[in-house]
């Protein structure tokens, strides 16, 4: 790795600081990918519509809700768009109709990695912030 003989490319959902050997980590360049913002997700949705040669049957607020459901994850957005594009409908869907038709996205949860601590942190912050709705959301 040091002289460039070995080129190692890896991807993980775990924190590399905890999962990689310190000798490898000291010689590696770690790139952190951030969540996409709504403008990026909107561009992805427009490109997907061009590729499908079809406009999604969503009104403005429903389109915004779809982007929010993706939660910054481009892959999740494309999966949602595939589901929506396959629906047969004669009108543009509203946010309640969209929520009713789409399956609930499974929460990211593991008992030994970062996702566990992120969920616990969100629960603690909502409890400390005296927000009962948020606390119930993160507890569920």
Protein backbone atom coordinates (compact mmCIF):
# COMPACT_ATOMS: atom_id res chain seq x y z
CA UNK A 1 0.00 0.00 0.00
CA UNK A 2 2.78 2.41 0.84
CA UNK A 3 4.51 2.36 -2.54
CA UNK A 4 1.31 2.03 -4.60
CA UNK A 5 1.80 -1.65 -5.48
CA UNK A 6 -1.54 -2.46 -3.90
CA UNK A 7 -4.59 -0.33 -4.55
CA UNK A 8 -7.39 -1.10 -2.12
CA UNK A 9 -10.86 0.27 -2.70
CA UNK A 10 -13.52 -0.51 -0.14
CA UNK A 11 -16.95 0.65 0.91
CA UNK A 12 -18.68 0.17 4.22
CA UNK A 13 -21.61 1.44 6.21
CA UNK A 14 -19.54 1.07 9.37
CA UNK A 15 -17.11 3.57 10.83
CA UNK A 16 -13.68 2.66 9.35
CA UNK A 17 -11.95 3.87 12.52
CA UNK A 18 -13.55 1.03 14.44
CA UNK A 19 -13.54 -1.66 11.77
CA UNK A 20 -10.14 -1.35 10.04
CA UNK A 21 -6.77 -2.37 11.38
CA UNK A 22 -4.87 0.76 12.49
CA UNK A 23 -1.93 -0.09 10.18
CA UNK A 24 -4.24 -0.18 7.16
CA UNK A 25 -6.15 2.88 8.30
CA UNK A 26 -2.96 4.94 8.69
CA UNK A 27 -2.08 4.27 5.04
CA UNK A 28 -5.57 4.73 3.65
CA UNK A 29 -7.47 7.76 2.48
CA UNK A 30 -10.97 7.66 3.93
CA UNK A 31 -13.71 9.45 2.02
CA UNK A 32 -16.96 10.14 3.84
CA UNK A 33 -20.04 10.40 1.65
CA UNK A 34 -22.68 12.77 2.99
CA UNK A 35 -26.42 12.61 2.46
CA UNK A 36 -27.72 14.28 -0.69
CA UNK A 37 -29.65 17.51 -0.23
CA UNK A 38 -33.13 18.07 -1.67
CA UNK A 39 -31.79 19.90 -4.75
CA UNK A 40 -29.56 16.91 -5.60
CA UNK A 41 -32.46 14.51 -5.08
CA UNK A 42 -34.68 16.64 -7.31
CA UNK A 43 -32.07 16.50 -10.09
CA UNK A 44 -31.96 12.72 -9.70
CA UNK A 45 -35.75 12.55 -9.92
CA UNK A 46 -35.75 14.65 -13.09
CA UNK A 47 -33.10 12.44 -14.69
CA UNK A 48 -35.06 9.33 -13.70
CA UNK A 49 -38.18 10.77 -15.34
CA UNK A 50 -36.17 11.44 -18.50
CA UNK A 51 -34.82 7.87 -18.50
CA UNK A 52 -38.30 6.46 -17.93
CA UNK A 53 -39.71 8.89 -20.51
CA UNK A 54 -42.55 9.41 -18.07
CA UNK A 55 -43.54 12.08 -15.57
CA UNK A 56 -44.25 10.82 -12.07
CA UNK A 57 -47.96 11.09 -11.16
CA UNK A 58 -47.34 13.35 -8.16
CA UNK A 59 -48.53 16.83 -7.30
CA UNK A 60 -45.97 19.35 -5.97
CA UNK A 61 -46.31 18.52 -2.26
CA UNK A 62 -46.30 14.77 -2.99
CA UNK A 63 -43.10 15.16 -5.00
CA UNK A 64 -41.51 16.99 -2.07
CA UNK A 65 -42.73 14.24 0.26
CA UNK A 66 -41.14 11.61 -2.00
CA UNK A 67 -37.80 13.43 -1.84
CA UNK A 68 -38.08 13.65 1.96
CA UNK A 69 -38.84 9.92 2.18
CA UNK A 70 -35.53 9.19 0.47
CA UNK A 71 -33.79 10.81 3.46
CA UNK A 72 -30.76 11.90 1.44
CA UNK A 73 -30.20 8.44 -0.06
CA UNK A 74 -30.11 8.44 -3.87
CA UNK A 75 -30.55 4.67 -4.11
CA UNK A 76 -33.63 4.84 -1.92
CA UNK A 77 -35.03 7.63 -4.09
CA UNK A 78 -34.56 5.60 -7.27
CA UNK A 79 -36.30 2.62 -5.66
CA UNK A 80 -39.21 4.84 -4.62
CA UNK A 81 -39.40 6.34 -8.12
CA UNK A 82 -39.55 2.85 -9.66
CA UNK A 83 -42.49 1.99 -7.42
CA UNK A 84 -44.33 5.22 -8.19
CA UNK A 85 -43.69 4.97 -11.94
CA UNK A 86 -45.24 1.49 -12.02
CA UNK A 87 -48.55 2.67 -10.58
CA UNK A 88 -51.56 3.03 -12.83
CA UNK A 89 -53.37 6.22 -11.85
CA UNK A 90 -55.53 8.73 -13.66
CA UNK A 91 -54.66 11.70 -11.45
CA UNK A 92 -51.69 13.21 -9.66
CA UNK A 93 -51.26 11.73 -6.21
CA UNK A 94 -51.28 13.81 -3.03
CA UNK A 95 -48.98 13.26 -0.03
CA UNK A 96 -51.56 11.18 1.91
CA UNK A 97 -52.15 8.96 -1.14
CA UNK A 98 -48.41 8.60 -1.65
CA UNK A 99 -47.83 7.61 1.98
CA UNK A 100 -50.65 5.08 1.84
CA UNK A 101 -49.29 3.41 -1.31
CA UNK A 102 -45.61 3.30 -0.41
CA UNK A 103 -44.28 0.73 1.97
CA UNK A 104 -42.67 2.00 5.13
CA UNK A 105 -38.91 2.04 4.83
CA UNK A 106 -37.15 -0.26 7.27
CA UNK A 107 -35.13 1.56 9.89
CA UNK A 108 -31.39 1.14 9.83
CA UNK A 109 -30.59 -0.71 13.02
CA UNK A 110 -27.76 -2.90 14.13
CA UNK A 111 -26.74 -3.67 17.68
CA UNK A 112 -23.00 -3.24 17.26
CA UNK A 113 -22.40 -0.44 14.76
CA UNK A 114 -22.95 3.26 14.29
CA UNK A 115 -26.63 2.97 13.34
CA UNK A 116 -27.41 1.75 16.86
CA UNK A 117 -25.74 4.77 18.44
CA UNK A 118 -27.29 7.20 15.95
CA UNK A 119 -30.79 5.98 16.85
CA UNK A 120 -30.11 6.10 20.58
CA UNK A 121 -28.67 9.61 20.21
CA UNK A 122 -31.76 10.79 18.33
CA UNK A 123 -34.00 9.34 21.04
CA UNK A 124 -31.98 11.01 23.82
CA UNK A 125 -31.99 14.37 22.06
CA UNK A 126 -35.74 14.28 21.51
CA UNK A 127 -36.35 13.37 25.18
CA UNK A 128 -33.98 16.11 26.39
CA UNK A 129 -35.69 18.54 24.02
CA UNK A 130 -39.08 17.70 25.58
CA UNK A 131 -40.49 16.66 22.21
CA UNK A 132 -42.85 13.74 22.92
CA UNK A 133 -43.72 13.15 19.25
CA UNK A 134 -40.06 12.89 18.26
CA UNK A 135 -39.31 10.69 21.27
CA UNK A 136 -42.07 8.27 20.28
CA UNK A 137 -40.89 8.31 16.67
CA UNK A 138 -37.32 7.36 17.58
CA UNK A 139 -38.45 4.87 20.21
CA UNK A 140 -40.71 2.97 17.78
